[in-house]
Amino acid sequence: MDKRNQGPEDLSTGERMATVGGAIADAMKHKAKGEHETDHGARQTVSLSDAESIIAEWPDAPKRGA
């Protein structure tokens, strides 16, 4: 299975914990700066048709979430 089609169940517990730990550290960094981690992303926009074409290439589970 290539990385593009992997889901959380394909990772070891250690890999999942490392990912969560990195996300928490990143969020804490933003909080210390007095910003929210989504501030930068909120300034980025794409058209609906571009978003739909991007999502069409995603694996099934994230595609359903989107």
C-alpha atoms as a PDB file:
ATOM      1  CA  MET A   1       0.000   0.000   0.000  1.00  0.00           C
ATOM      2  CA  ASP A   2       1.426   3.386  -0.899  1.00  0.00           C
ATOM      3  CA  LYS A   3       1.514   6.223   1.631  1.00  0.00           C
ATOM      4  CA  ARG A   4      -1.305   8.044  -0.179  1.00  0.00           C
ATOM      5  CA  ASN A   5      -3.772   5.286   0.722  1.00  0.00           C
ATOM      6  CA  GLN A   6      -2.643   4.721   4.302  1.00  0.00           C
ATOM      7  CA  GLY A   7      -4.925   5.394   7.221  1.00  0.00           C
ATOM      8  CA  PRO A   8      -4.372   5.537  10.979  1.00  0.00           C
ATOM      9  CA  GLU A   9      -4.842   1.777  11.249  1.00  0.00           C
ATOM     10  CA  ASP A  10      -1.776   1.279   9.022  1.00  0.00           C
ATOM     11  CA  LEU A  11       0.558   3.032  11.475  1.00  0.00           C
ATOM     12  CA  SER A  12       2.116   1.588  14.573  1.00  0.00           C
ATOM     13  CA  THR A  13       1.041   2.923  17.942  1.00  0.00           C
ATOM     14  CA  GLY A  14       4.398   4.675  18.250  1.00  0.00           C
ATOM     15  CA  GLU A  15       3.967   6.426  14.891  1.00  0.00           C
ATOM     16  CA  ARG A  16       0.440   7.561  15.811  1.00  0.00           C
ATOM     17  CA  MET A  17       1.643   8.845  19.207  1.00  0.00           C
ATOM     18  CA  ALA A  18       4.542  10.705  17.552  1.00  0.00           C
ATOM     19  CA  THR A  19       2.096  12.374  15.161  1.00  0.00           C
ATOM     20  CA  VAL A  20      -0.208  13.394  18.016  1.00  0.00           C
ATOM     21  CA  GLY A  21       2.752  14.645  20.054  1.00  0.00           C
ATOM     22  CA  GLY A  22       3.943  16.760  17.137  1.00  0.00           C
ATOM     23  CA  ALA A  23       0.480  18.234  16.658  1.00  0.00           C
ATOM     24  CA  ILE A  24       0.229  19.091  20.358  1.00  0.00           C
ATOM     25  CA  ALA A  25       3.669  20.724  20.335  1.00  0.00           C
ATOM     26  CA  ASP A  26       2.712  22.765  17.269  1.00  0.00           C
ATOM     27  CA  ALA A  27      -0.547  23.897  18.898  1.00  0.00           C
ATOM     28  CA  MET A  28       1.309  24.888  22.075  1.00  0.00           C
ATOM     29  CA  LYS A  29       3.770  26.936  19.991  1.00  0.00           C
ATOM     30  CA  HIS A  30       0.898  28.843  18.389  1.00  0.00           C
ATOM     31  CA  LYS A  31      -0.792  29.370  21.752  1.00  0.00           C
ATOM     32  CA  ALA A  32       2.439  30.763  23.231  1.00  0.00           C
ATOM     33  CA  LYS A  33       2.581  33.257  20.357  1.00  0.00           C
ATOM     34  CA  GLY A  34      -1.014  34.293  21.066  1.00  0.00           C
ATOM     35  CA  GLU A  35      -2.379  32.954  17.818  1.00  0.00           C
ATOM     36  CA  HIS A  36      -4.587  30.080  16.783  1.00  0.00           C
ATOM     37  CA  GLU A  37      -3.156  27.288  14.655  1.00  0.00           C
ATOM     38  CA  THR A  38      -5.808  27.870  11.980  1.00  0.00           C
ATOM     39  CA  ASP A  39      -5.079  31.599  11.518  1.00  0.00           C
ATOM     40  CA  HIS A  40      -2.666  31.061   8.631  1.00  0.00           C
ATOM     41  CA  GLY A  41      -4.914  28.491   6.961  1.00  0.00           C
ATOM     42  CA  ALA A  42      -7.927  30.773   7.255  1.00  0.00           C
ATOM     43  CA  ARG A  43      -6.112  33.316   5.090  1.00  0.00           C
ATOM     44  CA  GLN A  44      -5.723  30.746   2.299  1.00  0.00           C
ATOM     45  CA  THR A  45      -8.655  30.230  -0.045  1.00  0.00           C
ATOM     46  CA  VAL A  46      -9.397  28.219  -3.179  1.00  0.00           C
ATOM     47  CA  SER A  47     -12.479  28.050  -5.347  1.00  0.00           C
ATOM     48  CA  LEU A  48     -15.086  25.392  -4.653  1.00  0.00           C
ATOM     49  CA  SER A  49     -14.316  23.632  -7.942  1.00  0.00           C
ATOM     50  CA  ASP A  50     -10.576  23.543  -7.107  1.00  0.00           C
ATOM     51  CA  ALA A  51     -11.327  22.150  -3.656  1.00  0.00           C
ATOM     52  CA  GLU A  52     -13.603  19.474  -5.103  1.00  0.00           C
ATOM     53  CA  SER A  53     -10.992  18.403  -7.664  1.00  0.00           C
ATOM     54  CA  ILE A  54      -8.342  18.166  -4.924  1.00  0.00           C
ATOM     55  CA  ILE A  55     -10.618  16.143  -2.638  1.00  0.00           C
ATOM     56  CA  ALA A  56     -11.503  13.805  -5.513  1.00  0.00           C
ATOM     57  CA  GLU A  57      -7.908  12.500  -5.403  1.00  0.00           C
ATOM     58  CA  TRP A  58      -7.974  11.735  -1.655  1.00  0.00           C
ATOM     59  CA  PRO A  59      -8.340   8.233  -0.193  1.00  0.00           C
ATOM     60  CA  ASP A  60     -11.899   7.186   0.686  1.00  0.00           C
ATOM     61  CA  ALA A  61     -11.893   7.846   4.452  1.00  0.00           C
ATOM     62  CA  PRO A  62     -10.692  11.473   4.336  1.00  0.00           C
ATOM     63  CA  LYS A  63     -12.839  12.073   1.262  1.00  0.00           C
ATOM     64  CA  ARG A  64     -15.940  11.029   3.227  1.00  0.00           C
ATOM     65  CA  GLY A  65     -14.909  13.383   6.026  1.00  0.00           C
ATOM     66  CA  ALA A  66     -14.493  16.278   3.643  1.00  0.00           C
END
